[in-house]
Amino acid sequence: MGLPDNYTKYGADGNIILDSARYKALGNAIALPCVEYIMAGIKEEFLTSAQNEQKLE
């Protein structure tokens, strides 16, 4: 998913989190590479749109 190994192994208090809770949390997550890809596309569209607006002025 793009996260380092054992990223979800410990909670904020330093205690080990049960595997079932870790799987549930990751099951509700979005893979970071996917988010980066989507955001890069949005950025490209935004910049292209802004450039086109400037040309029209």
PDB file of N, CA and C in Angstrom:
ATOM      1  N   MET A   1       0.814  -1.201   0.000  1.00  0.00           N
ATOM      2  CA  MET A   1       0.000   0.000   0.000  1.00  0.00           C
ATOM      3  C   MET A   1       0.849   1.254   0.000  1.00  0.00           C
ATOM      4  N   GLY A   2       2.129   1.122  -0.015  1.00  0.00           N
ATOM      5  CA  GLY A   2       2.982   2.292   0.010  1.00  0.00           C
ATOM      6  C   GLY A   2       3.415   2.688   1.411  1.00  0.00           C
ATOM      7  N   LEU A   3       3.013   1.934   2.415  1.00  0.00           N
ATOM      8  CA  LEU A   3       3.404   2.231   3.792  1.00  0.00           C
ATOM      9  C   LEU A   3       4.622   1.393   4.167  1.00  0.00           C
ATOM     10  N   PRO A   4       5.466   1.904   5.078  1.00  0.00           N
ATOM     11  CA  PRO A   4       6.619   1.112   5.517  1.00  0.00           C
ATOM     12  C   PRO A   4       6.170  -0.158   6.250  1.00  0.00           C
ATOM     13  N   ASP A   5       7.039  -1.165   6.283  1.00  0.00           N
ATOM     14  CA  ASP A   5       6.741  -2.389   7.027  1.00  0.00           C
ATOM     15  C   ASP A   5       6.439  -2.052   8.485  1.00  0.00           C
ATOM     16  N   ASN A   6       5.480  -2.739   9.050  1.00  0.00           N
ATOM     17  CA  ASN A   6       5.077  -2.587  10.449  1.00  0.00           C
ATOM     18  C   ASN A   6       4.581  -1.188  10.798  1.00  0.00           C
ATOM     19  N   TYR A   7       4.125  -0.432   9.827  1.00  0.00           N
ATOM     20  CA  TYR A   7       3.628   0.931  10.046  1.00  0.00           C
ATOM     21  C   TYR A   7       2.460   0.949  11.032  1.00  0.00           C
ATOM     22  N   THR A   8       1.646  -0.086  11.013  1.00  0.00           N
ATOM     23  CA  THR A   8       0.459  -0.120  11.879  1.00  0.00           C
ATOM     24  C   THR A   8       0.637  -1.045  13.081  1.00  0.00           C
ATOM     25  N   LYS A   9       1.845  -1.518  13.315  1.00  0.00           N
ATOM     26  CA  LYS A   9       2.068  -2.499  14.383  1.00  0.00           C
ATOM     27  C   LYS A   9       1.836  -1.912  15.774  1.00  0.00           C
ATOM     28  N   TYR A  10       2.191  -0.642  15.961  1.00  0.00           N
ATOM     29  CA  TYR A  10       2.090  -0.019  17.279  1.00  0.00           C
ATOM     30  C   TYR A  10       1.108   1.146  17.250  1.00  0.00           C
ATOM     31  N   GLY A  11       0.361   1.291  18.334  1.00  0.00           N
ATOM     32  CA  GLY A  11      -0.568   2.407  18.464  1.00  0.00           C
ATOM     33  C   GLY A  11       0.160   3.655  18.948  1.00  0.00           C
ATOM     34  N   ALA A  12      -0.577   4.740  19.117  1.00  0.00           N
ATOM     35  CA  ALA A  12      -0.003   6.005  19.578  1.00  0.00           C
ATOM     36  C   ALA A  12       0.593   5.864  20.979  1.00  0.00           C
ATOM     37  N   ASP A  13       0.065   4.922  21.762  1.00  0.00           N
ATOM     38  CA  ASP A  13       0.567   4.720  23.123  1.00  0.00           C
ATOM     39  C   ASP A  13       1.764   3.772  23.176  1.00  0.00           C
ATOM     40  N   GLY A  14       2.183   3.247  22.024  1.00  0.00           N
ATOM     41  CA  GLY A  14       3.341   2.363  21.959  1.00  0.00           C
ATOM     42  C   GLY A  14       3.014   0.889  22.127  1.00  0.00           C
ATOM     43  N   ASN A  15       1.765   0.560  22.404  1.00  0.00           N
ATOM     44  CA  ASN A  15       1.364  -0.842  22.555  1.00  0.00           C
ATOM     45  C   ASN A  15       1.119  -1.479  21.194  1.00  0.00           C
ATOM     46  N   ILE A  16       1.392  -2.787  21.118  1.00  0.00           N
ATOM     47  CA  ILE A  16       1.167  -3.529  19.876  1.00  0.00           C
ATOM     48  C   ILE A  16      -0.335  -3.644  19.620  1.00  0.00           C
ATOM     49  N   ILE A  17      -0.731  -3.409  18.383  1.00  0.00           N
ATOM     50  CA  ILE A  17      -2.134  -3.491  17.977  1.00  0.00           C
ATOM     51  C   ILE A  17      -2.401  -4.893  17.429  1.00  0.00           C
ATOM     52  N   LEU A  18      -3.553  -5.460  17.774  1.00  0.00           N
ATOM     53  CA  LEU A  18      -3.926  -6.782  17.272  1.00  0.00           C
ATOM     54  C   LEU A  18      -3.987  -6.780  15.747  1.00  0.00           C
ATOM     55  N   ASP A  19      -3.605  -7.908  15.150  1.00  0.00           N
ATOM     56  CA  ASP A  19      -3.631  -8.026  13.690  1.00  0.00           C
ATOM     57  C   ASP A  19      -5.014  -7.738  13.125  1.00  0.00           C
ATOM     58  N   SER A  20      -6.060  -8.219  13.794  1.00  0.00           N
ATOM     59  CA  SER A  20      -7.416  -8.015  13.270  1.00  0.00           C
ATOM     60  C   SER A  20      -7.752  -6.526  13.179  1.00  0.00           C
ATOM     61  N   ALA A  21      -7.338  -5.749  14.169  1.00  0.00           N
ATOM     62  CA  ALA A  21      -7.585  -4.302  14.145  1.00  0.00           C
ATOM     63  C   ALA A  21      -6.751  -3.631  13.055  1.00  0.00           C
ATOM     64  N   ARG A  22      -5.528  -4.124  12.863  1.00  0.00           N
ATOM     65  CA  ARG A  22      -4.661  -3.565  11.814  1.00  0.00           C
ATOM     66  C   ARG A  22      -5.256  -3.834  10.437  1.00  0.00           C
ATOM     67  N   TYR A  23      -5.737  -5.060  10.208  1.00  0.00           N
ATOM     68  CA  TYR A  23      -6.330  -5.413   8.915  1.00  0.00           C
ATOM     69  C   TYR A  23      -7.579  -4.584   8.646  1.00  0.00           C
ATOM     70  N   LYS A  24      -8.375  -4.365   9.687  1.00  0.00           N
ATOM     71  CA  LYS A  24      -9.587  -3.560   9.531  1.00  0.00           C
ATOM     72  C   LYS A  24      -9.225  -2.123   9.164  1.00  0.00           C
ATOM     73  N   ALA A  25      -8.232  -1.566   9.842  1.00  0.00           N
ATOM     74  CA  ALA A  25      -7.815  -0.188   9.564  1.00  0.00           C
ATOM     75  C   ALA A  25      -7.277  -0.060   8.140  1.00  0.00           C
ATOM     76  N   LEU A  26      -6.461  -1.012   7.724  1.00  0.00           N
ATOM     77  CA  LEU A  26      -5.897  -0.949   6.376  1.00  0.00           C
ATOM     78  C   LEU A  26      -6.941  -1.245   5.316  1.00  0.00           C
ATOM     79  N   GLY A  27      -7.942  -2.019   5.665  1.00  0.00           N
ATOM     80  CA  GLY A  27      -9.027  -2.301   4.728  1.00  0.00           C
ATOM     81  C   GLY A  27      -9.843  -1.061   4.416  1.00  0.00           C
ATOM     82  N   ASN A  28      -9.822  -0.100   5.328  1.00  0.00           N
ATOM     83  CA  ASN A  28     -10.551   1.154   5.138  1.00  0.00           C
ATOM     84  C   ASN A  28      -9.649   2.259   4.593  1.00  0.00           C
ATOM     85  N   ALA A  29      -8.437   1.908   4.233  1.00  0.00           N
ATOM     86  CA  ALA A  29      -7.462   2.898   3.771  1.00  0.00           C
ATOM     87  C   ALA A  29      -7.381   2.906   2.245  1.00  0.00           C
ATOM     88  N   ILE A  30      -6.736   3.940   1.735  1.00  0.00           N
ATOM     89  CA  ILE A  30      -6.475   4.061   0.302  1.00  0.00           C
ATOM     90  C   ILE A  30      -4.966   3.961   0.110  1.00  0.00           C
ATOM     91  N   ALA A  31      -4.533   3.230  -0.895  1.00  0.00           N
ATOM     92  CA  ALA A  31      -3.106   3.084  -1.153  1.00  0.00           C
ATOM     93  C   ALA A  31      -2.495   4.428  -1.540  1.00  0.00           C
ATOM     94  N   LEU A  32      -1.389   4.778  -0.899  1.00  0.00           N
ATOM     95  CA  LEU A  32      -0.753   6.069  -1.143  1.00  0.00           C
ATOM     96  C   LEU A  32      -0.356   6.291  -2.601  1.00  0.00           C
ATOM     97  N   PRO A  33       0.197   5.288  -3.297  1.00  0.00           N
ATOM     98  CA  PRO A  33       0.519   5.515  -4.709  1.00  0.00           C
ATOM     99  C   PRO A  33      -0.711   5.887  -5.541  1.00  0.00           C
ATOM    100  N   CYS A  34      -1.861   5.331  -5.203  1.00  0.00           N
ATOM    101  CA  CYS A  34      -3.096   5.674  -5.924  1.00  0.00           C
ATOM    102  C   CYS A  34      -3.473   7.126  -5.675  1.00  0.00           C
ATOM    103  N   VAL A  35      -3.366   7.565  -4.431  1.00  0.00           N
ATOM    104  CA  VAL A  35      -3.687   8.955  -4.092  1.00  0.00           C
ATOM    105  C   VAL A  35      -2.740   9.903  -4.819  1.00  0.00           C
ATOM    106  N   GLU A  36      -1.452   9.574  -4.834  1.00  0.00           N
ATOM    107  CA  GLU A  36      -0.473  10.414  -5.531  1.00  0.00           C
ATOM    108  C   GLU A  36      -0.804  10.526  -7.015  1.00  0.00           C
ATOM    109  N   TYR A  37      -1.180   9.412  -7.636  1.00  0.00           N
ATOM    110  CA  TYR A  37      -1.515   9.396  -9.058  1.00  0.00           C
ATOM    111  C   TYR A  37      -2.737  10.266  -9.338  1.00  0.00           C
ATOM    112  N   ILE A  38      -3.759  10.114  -8.524  1.00  0.00           N
ATOM    113  CA  ILE A  38      -4.985  10.900  -8.714  1.00  0.00           C
ATOM    114  C   ILE A  38      -4.713  12.381  -8.507  1.00  0.00           C
ATOM    115  N   MET A  39      -3.977  12.720  -7.453  1.00  0.00           N
ATOM    116  CA  MET A  39      -3.694  14.128  -7.159  1.00  0.00           C
ATOM    117  C   MET A  39      -2.816  14.758  -8.245  1.00  0.00           C
ATOM    118  N   ALA A  40      -1.900  13.990  -8.818  1.00  0.00           N
ATOM    119  CA  ALA A  40      -1.067  14.506  -9.905  1.00  0.00           C
ATOM    120  C   ALA A  40      -1.937  14.855 -11.112  1.00  0.00           C
ATOM    121  N   GLY A  41      -2.931  14.017 -11.405  1.00  0.00           N
ATOM    122  CA  GLY A  41      -3.851  14.303 -12.510  1.00  0.00           C
ATOM    123  C   GLY A  41      -4.683  15.540 -12.254  1.00  0.00           C
ATOM    124  N   ILE A  42      -5.153  15.697 -11.013  1.00  0.00           N
ATOM    125  CA  ILE A  42      -5.933  16.890 -10.657  1.00  0.00           C
ATOM    126  C   ILE A  42      -5.069  18.133 -10.783  1.00  0.00           C
ATOM    127  N   LYS A  43      -3.830  18.054 -10.313  1.00  0.00           N
ATOM    128  CA  LYS A  43      -2.910  19.195 -10.403  1.00  0.00           C
ATOM    129  C   LYS A  43      -2.674  19.578 -11.859  1.00  0.00           C
ATOM    130  N   GLU A  44      -2.444  18.583 -12.707  1.00  0.00           N
ATOM    131  CA  GLU A  44      -2.201  18.841 -14.129  1.00  0.00           C
ATOM    132  C   GLU A  44      -3.403  19.529 -14.771  1.00  0.00           C
ATOM    133  N   GLU A  45      -4.592  19.031 -14.491  1.00  0.00           N
ATOM    134  CA  GLU A  45      -5.806  19.646 -15.037  1.00  0.00           C
ATOM    135  C   GLU A  45      -5.988  21.067 -14.525  1.00  0.00           C
ATOM    136  N   PHE A  46      -5.722  21.283 -13.252  1.00  0.00           N
ATOM    137  CA  PHE A  46      -5.854  22.608 -12.656  1.00  0.00           C
ATOM    138  C   PHE A  46      -4.896  23.598 -13.316  1.00  0.00           C
ATOM    139  N   LEU A  47      -3.632  23.191 -13.482  1.00  0.00           N
ATOM    140  CA  LEU A  47      -2.641  24.079 -14.092  1.00  0.00           C
ATOM    141  C   LEU A  47      -2.966  24.355 -15.554  1.00  0.00           C
ATOM    142  N   THR A  48      -3.409  23.342 -16.279  1.00  0.00           N
ATOM    143  CA  THR A  48      -3.787  23.516 -17.680  1.00  0.00           C
ATOM    144  C   THR A  48      -4.965  24.471 -17.792  1.00  0.00           C
ATOM    145  N   SER A  49      -5.936  24.314 -16.928  1.00  0.00           N
ATOM    146  CA  SER A  49      -7.109  25.185 -16.926  1.00  0.00           C
ATOM    147  C   SER A  49      -6.717  26.629 -16.624  1.00  0.00           C
ATOM    148  N   ALA A  50      -5.826  26.815 -15.660  1.00  0.00           N
ATOM    149  CA  ALA A  50      -5.377  28.160 -15.292  1.00  0.00           C
ATOM    150  C   ALA A  50      -4.620  28.805 -16.453  1.00  0.00           C
ATOM    151  N   GLN A  51      -3.792  28.039 -17.145  1.00  0.00           N
ATOM    152  CA  GLN A  51      -3.047  28.572 -18.287  1.00  0.00           C
ATOM    153  C   GLN A  51      -3.998  28.954 -19.410  1.00  0.00           C
ATOM    154  N   ASN A  52      -5.006  28.141 -19.657  1.00  0.00           N
ATOM    155  CA  ASN A  52      -5.977  28.444 -20.709  1.00  0.00           C
ATOM    156  C   ASN A  52      -6.780  29.695 -20.373  1.00  0.00           C
ATOM    157  N   GLU A  53      -7.105  29.889 -19.114  1.00  0.00           N
ATOM    158  CA  GLU A  53      -7.830  31.095 -18.701  1.00  0.00           C
ATOM    159  C   GLU A  53      -6.991  32.338 -18.945  1.00  0.00           C
ATOM    160  N   GLN A  54      -5.695  32.245 -18.653  1.00  0.00           N
ATOM    161  CA  GLN A  54      -4.807  33.396 -18.848  1.00  0.00           C
ATOM    162  C   GLN A  54      -4.697  33.743 -20.327  1.00  0.00           C
ATOM    163  N   LYS A  55      -4.714  32.754 -21.197  1.00  0.00           N
ATOM    164  CA  LYS A  55      -4.630  33.002 -22.635  1.00  0.00           C
ATOM    165  C   LYS A  55      -5.880  33.715 -23.147  1.00  0.00           C
ATOM    166  N   LEU A  56      -7.016  33.446 -22.512  1.00  0.00           N
ATOM    167  CA  LEU A  56      -8.268  34.060 -22.943  1.00  0.00           C
ATOM    168  C   LEU A  56      -8.382  35.519 -22.513  1.00  0.00           C
ATOM    169  N   GLU A  57      -7.634  35.910 -21.506  1.00  0.00           N
ATOM    170  CA  GLU A  57      -7.744  37.287 -20.991  1.00  0.00           C
ATOM    171  C   GLU A  57      -7.028  38.282 -21.849  1.00  0.00           C
TER     172      GLU A  57
END
